[in-house]
Amino acid sequence: MDNTMAYGRKLKGATRRVPITVHAPLDRLDQIDSYVEERSREDGKAYSRSDFYEEAAKYYLEYLGKLPEQQDGTTGVPK
């Protein structure tokens, strides 16, 4: 199978990723976009809304105790 999505962007790492739709209030989206820009600038590398939502989901699932652990000791959600 080809390791690109319909948009032609390579998938990150070896994990399977799929596009999703997220409905969010505009004021929250503005806050997220500001954070994403700041993080990209501070880290000196690309950081996207997708990265933000992936981190947020990971932290929330950890908080709920719903994140499965893998054999190697890492969490079930890739960085």
N, C-alpha and C. Protein backbone atom coordinates (compact mmCIF):
# COMPACT_ATOMS: atom_id res chain seq x y z
N MET A 1 0.83 -1.18 0.00
CA MET A 1 0.00 0.00 0.00
C MET A 1 0.88 1.25 0.00
N ASP A 2 0.49 2.25 -0.74
CA ASP A 2 1.19 3.52 -0.79
C ASP A 2 1.06 4.23 0.56
N ASN A 3 2.14 4.85 1.03
CA ASN A 3 2.17 5.49 2.34
C ASN A 3 1.81 6.97 2.27
N THR A 4 0.91 7.36 1.34
CA THR A 4 0.47 8.75 1.25
C THR A 4 -1.04 8.82 1.38
N MET A 5 -1.51 9.99 1.75
CA MET A 5 -2.95 10.20 1.85
C MET A 5 -3.43 10.78 0.52
N ALA A 6 -4.72 10.94 0.37
CA ALA A 6 -5.30 11.46 -0.87
C ALA A 6 -4.72 12.83 -1.23
N TYR A 7 -4.27 13.57 -0.23
CA TYR A 7 -3.74 14.91 -0.48
C TYR A 7 -2.26 14.87 -0.87
N GLY A 8 -1.65 13.69 -0.83
CA GLY A 8 -0.27 13.55 -1.26
C GLY A 8 0.74 13.70 -0.14
N ARG A 9 0.28 14.00 1.08
CA ARG A 9 1.21 14.16 2.20
C ARG A 9 1.59 12.80 2.76
N LYS A 10 2.86 12.59 3.00
CA LYS A 10 3.32 11.34 3.61
C LYS A 10 2.75 11.21 5.01
N LEU A 11 2.43 9.99 5.40
CA LEU A 11 1.98 9.74 6.76
C LEU A 11 3.16 9.87 7.71
N LYS A 12 2.93 10.35 8.92
CA LYS A 12 3.99 10.47 9.91
C LYS A 12 4.30 9.10 10.50
N GLY A 13 5.54 8.70 10.46
CA GLY A 13 5.94 7.45 11.07
C GLY A 13 5.27 6.25 10.41
N ALA A 14 5.21 5.18 11.15
CA ALA A 14 4.65 3.94 10.62
C ALA A 14 3.21 3.74 11.06
N THR A 15 2.61 4.72 11.72
CA THR A 15 1.25 4.56 12.22
C THR A 15 0.24 4.91 11.15
N ARG A 16 -0.93 4.34 11.27
CA ARG A 16 -2.03 4.63 10.35
C ARG A 16 -2.75 5.87 10.86
N ARG A 17 -2.89 6.85 10.00
CA ARG A 17 -3.59 8.08 10.37
C ARG A 17 -4.67 8.34 9.34
N VAL A 18 -5.81 8.84 9.80
CA VAL A 18 -6.92 9.14 8.90
C VAL A 18 -7.41 10.56 9.18
N PRO A 19 -7.92 11.24 8.16
CA PRO A 19 -8.45 12.59 8.39
C PRO A 19 -9.76 12.52 9.17
N ILE A 20 -9.98 13.49 10.03
CA ILE A 20 -11.23 13.59 10.78
C ILE A 20 -11.74 15.02 10.69
N THR A 21 -13.00 15.19 11.00
CA THR A 21 -13.59 16.53 11.07
C THR A 21 -13.87 16.85 12.52
N VAL A 22 -13.44 18.03 12.96
CA VAL A 22 -13.67 18.46 14.33
C VAL A 22 -14.45 19.77 14.27
N HIS A 23 -15.55 19.83 14.98
CA HIS A 23 -16.34 21.05 15.05
C HIS A 23 -15.97 21.77 16.34
N ALA A 24 -15.53 23.02 16.21
CA ALA A 24 -15.09 23.78 17.38
C ALA A 24 -15.55 25.22 17.24
N PRO A 25 -15.86 25.88 18.36
CA PRO A 25 -16.21 27.30 18.32
C PRO A 25 -15.03 28.11 17.77
N LEU A 26 -15.32 29.17 17.04
CA LEU A 26 -14.27 29.96 16.41
C LEU A 26 -13.30 30.55 17.43
N ASP A 27 -13.80 30.97 18.59
CA ASP A 27 -12.88 31.56 19.58
C ASP A 27 -11.89 30.51 20.09
N ARG A 28 -12.33 29.27 20.25
CA ARG A 28 -11.43 28.21 20.68
C ARG A 28 -10.42 27.88 19.57
N LEU A 29 -10.90 27.87 18.34
CA LEU A 29 -10.01 27.61 17.21
C LEU A 29 -8.95 28.70 17.10
N ASP A 30 -9.33 29.94 17.34
CA ASP A 30 -8.36 31.04 17.34
C ASP A 30 -7.29 30.83 18.41
N GLN A 31 -7.71 30.39 19.60
CA GLN A 31 -6.76 30.12 20.68
C GLN A 31 -5.81 28.98 20.30
N ILE A 32 -6.36 27.94 19.70
CA ILE A 32 -5.53 26.81 19.28
C ILE A 32 -4.54 27.25 18.21
N ASP A 33 -5.01 28.02 17.24
CA ASP A 33 -4.12 28.49 16.18
C ASP A 33 -2.99 29.36 16.73
N SER A 34 -3.30 30.19 17.70
CA SER A 34 -2.27 31.02 18.33
C SER A 34 -1.23 30.15 19.03
N TYR A 35 -1.70 29.14 19.75
CA TYR A 35 -0.80 28.22 20.43
C TYR A 35 0.07 27.47 19.43
N VAL A 36 -0.54 26.98 18.34
CA VAL A 36 0.18 26.24 17.31
C VAL A 36 1.29 27.10 16.71
N GLU A 37 0.98 28.35 16.39
CA GLU A 37 2.00 29.27 15.84
C GLU A 37 3.13 29.49 16.84
N GLU A 38 2.77 29.74 18.09
CA GLU A 38 3.77 29.97 19.14
C GLU A 38 4.66 28.75 19.33
N ARG A 39 4.05 27.59 19.37
CA ARG A 39 4.81 26.34 19.56
C ARG A 39 5.76 26.08 18.39
N SER A 40 5.28 26.32 17.16
CA SER A 40 6.13 26.15 15.98
C SER A 40 7.33 27.08 16.03
N ARG A 41 7.08 28.32 16.42
CA ARG A 41 8.14 29.32 16.50
C ARG A 41 9.16 28.93 17.58
N GLU A 42 8.67 28.57 18.76
CA GLU A 42 9.56 28.24 19.88
C GLU A 42 10.37 26.97 19.62
N ASP A 43 9.73 25.95 19.05
CA ASP A 43 10.41 24.68 18.79
C ASP A 43 11.29 24.73 17.54
N GLY A 44 11.02 25.68 16.65
CA GLY A 44 11.79 25.77 15.42
C GLY A 44 11.49 24.66 14.43
N LYS A 45 10.32 24.01 14.60
CA LYS A 45 9.91 22.97 13.65
C LYS A 45 8.40 23.00 13.51
N ALA A 46 7.90 22.32 12.50
CA ALA A 46 6.47 22.32 12.20
C ALA A 46 5.66 21.72 13.35
N TYR A 47 4.58 22.37 13.70
CA TYR A 47 3.62 21.89 14.69
C TYR A 47 2.26 22.31 14.16
N SER A 48 1.32 21.39 14.06
CA SER A 48 0.05 21.67 13.41
C SER A 48 -1.14 21.50 14.36
N ARG A 49 -2.32 21.87 13.86
CA ARG A 49 -3.54 21.61 14.61
C ARG A 49 -3.68 20.12 14.87
N SER A 50 -3.35 19.31 13.88
CA SER A 50 -3.42 17.86 14.06
C SER A 50 -2.53 17.41 15.22
N ASP A 51 -1.32 17.97 15.29
CA ASP A 51 -0.43 17.65 16.40
C ASP A 51 -1.06 18.06 17.73
N PHE A 52 -1.68 19.25 17.75
CA PHE A 52 -2.34 19.73 18.96
C PHE A 52 -3.46 18.78 19.40
N TYR A 53 -4.34 18.44 18.47
CA TYR A 53 -5.46 17.56 18.81
C TYR A 53 -4.99 16.18 19.22
N GLU A 54 -3.93 15.67 18.59
CA GLU A 54 -3.40 14.36 18.96
C GLU A 54 -2.86 14.39 20.40
N GLU A 55 -2.10 15.45 20.73
CA GLU A 55 -1.59 15.58 22.11
C GLU A 55 -2.74 15.73 23.10
N ALA A 56 -3.72 16.56 22.76
CA ALA A 56 -4.86 16.78 23.66
C ALA A 56 -5.61 15.49 23.92
N ALA A 57 -5.84 14.71 22.87
CA ALA A 57 -6.55 13.43 23.02
C ALA A 57 -5.74 12.48 23.89
N LYS A 58 -4.44 12.43 23.65
CA LYS A 58 -3.56 11.54 24.44
C LYS A 58 -3.62 11.91 25.92
N TYR A 59 -3.46 13.20 26.23
CA TYR A 59 -3.46 13.62 27.63
C TYR A 59 -4.82 13.38 28.29
N TYR A 60 -5.91 13.60 27.56
CA TYR A 60 -7.23 13.38 28.13
C TYR A 60 -7.48 11.90 28.39
N LEU A 61 -7.10 11.05 27.43
CA LEU A 61 -7.26 9.61 27.63
C LEU A 61 -6.40 9.10 28.79
N GLU A 62 -5.19 9.66 28.94
CA GLU A 62 -4.36 9.31 30.10
C GLU A 62 -5.05 9.72 31.39
N TYR A 63 -5.60 10.94 31.42
CA TYR A 63 -6.31 11.46 32.58
C TYR A 63 -7.48 10.55 32.97
N LEU A 64 -8.19 10.07 31.97
CA LEU A 64 -9.34 9.18 32.21
C LEU A 64 -8.92 7.75 32.54
N GLY A 65 -7.65 7.44 32.37
CA GLY A 65 -7.18 6.09 32.60
C GLY A 65 -7.59 5.13 31.50
N LYS A 66 -7.84 5.65 30.31
CA LYS A 66 -8.35 4.85 29.19
C LYS A 66 -7.29 4.57 28.13
N LEU A 67 -6.08 5.01 28.34
CA LEU A 67 -5.04 4.84 27.33
C LEU A 67 -4.32 3.52 27.56
N PRO A 68 -4.43 2.58 26.62
CA PRO A 68 -3.77 1.29 26.81
C PRO A 68 -2.26 1.42 26.76
N GLU A 69 -1.59 0.59 27.53
CA GLU A 69 -0.13 0.59 27.51
C GLU A 69 0.35 -0.50 26.58
N GLN A 70 1.44 -0.21 25.85
CA GLN A 70 2.02 -1.20 24.96
C GLN A 70 3.10 -1.97 25.71
N GLN A 71 3.54 -3.06 25.13
CA GLN A 71 4.55 -3.92 25.75
C GLN A 71 5.86 -3.21 26.05
N ASP A 72 6.25 -2.23 25.21
CA ASP A 72 7.54 -1.57 25.40
C ASP A 72 7.49 -0.45 26.43
N GLY A 73 6.34 -0.28 27.09
CA GLY A 73 6.22 0.72 28.14
C GLY A 73 5.74 2.07 27.65
N THR A 74 5.58 2.25 26.35
CA THR A 74 5.07 3.52 25.84
C THR A 74 3.55 3.47 25.79
N THR A 75 2.94 4.61 25.66
CA THR A 75 1.48 4.65 25.58
C THR A 75 1.02 4.23 24.19
N GLY A 76 -0.26 3.97 24.06
CA GLY A 76 -0.83 3.48 22.81
C GLY A 76 -0.98 4.52 21.73
N VAL A 77 -0.75 5.80 22.03
CA VAL A 77 -0.90 6.86 21.05
C VAL A 77 0.48 7.37 20.67
N PRO A 78 0.81 7.42 19.38
CA PRO A 78 2.13 7.89 18.97
C PRO A 78 2.32 9.37 19.25
N LYS A 79 3.56 9.79 19.41
CA LYS A 79 3.87 11.22 19.63
C LYS A 79 3.54 12.02 18.42
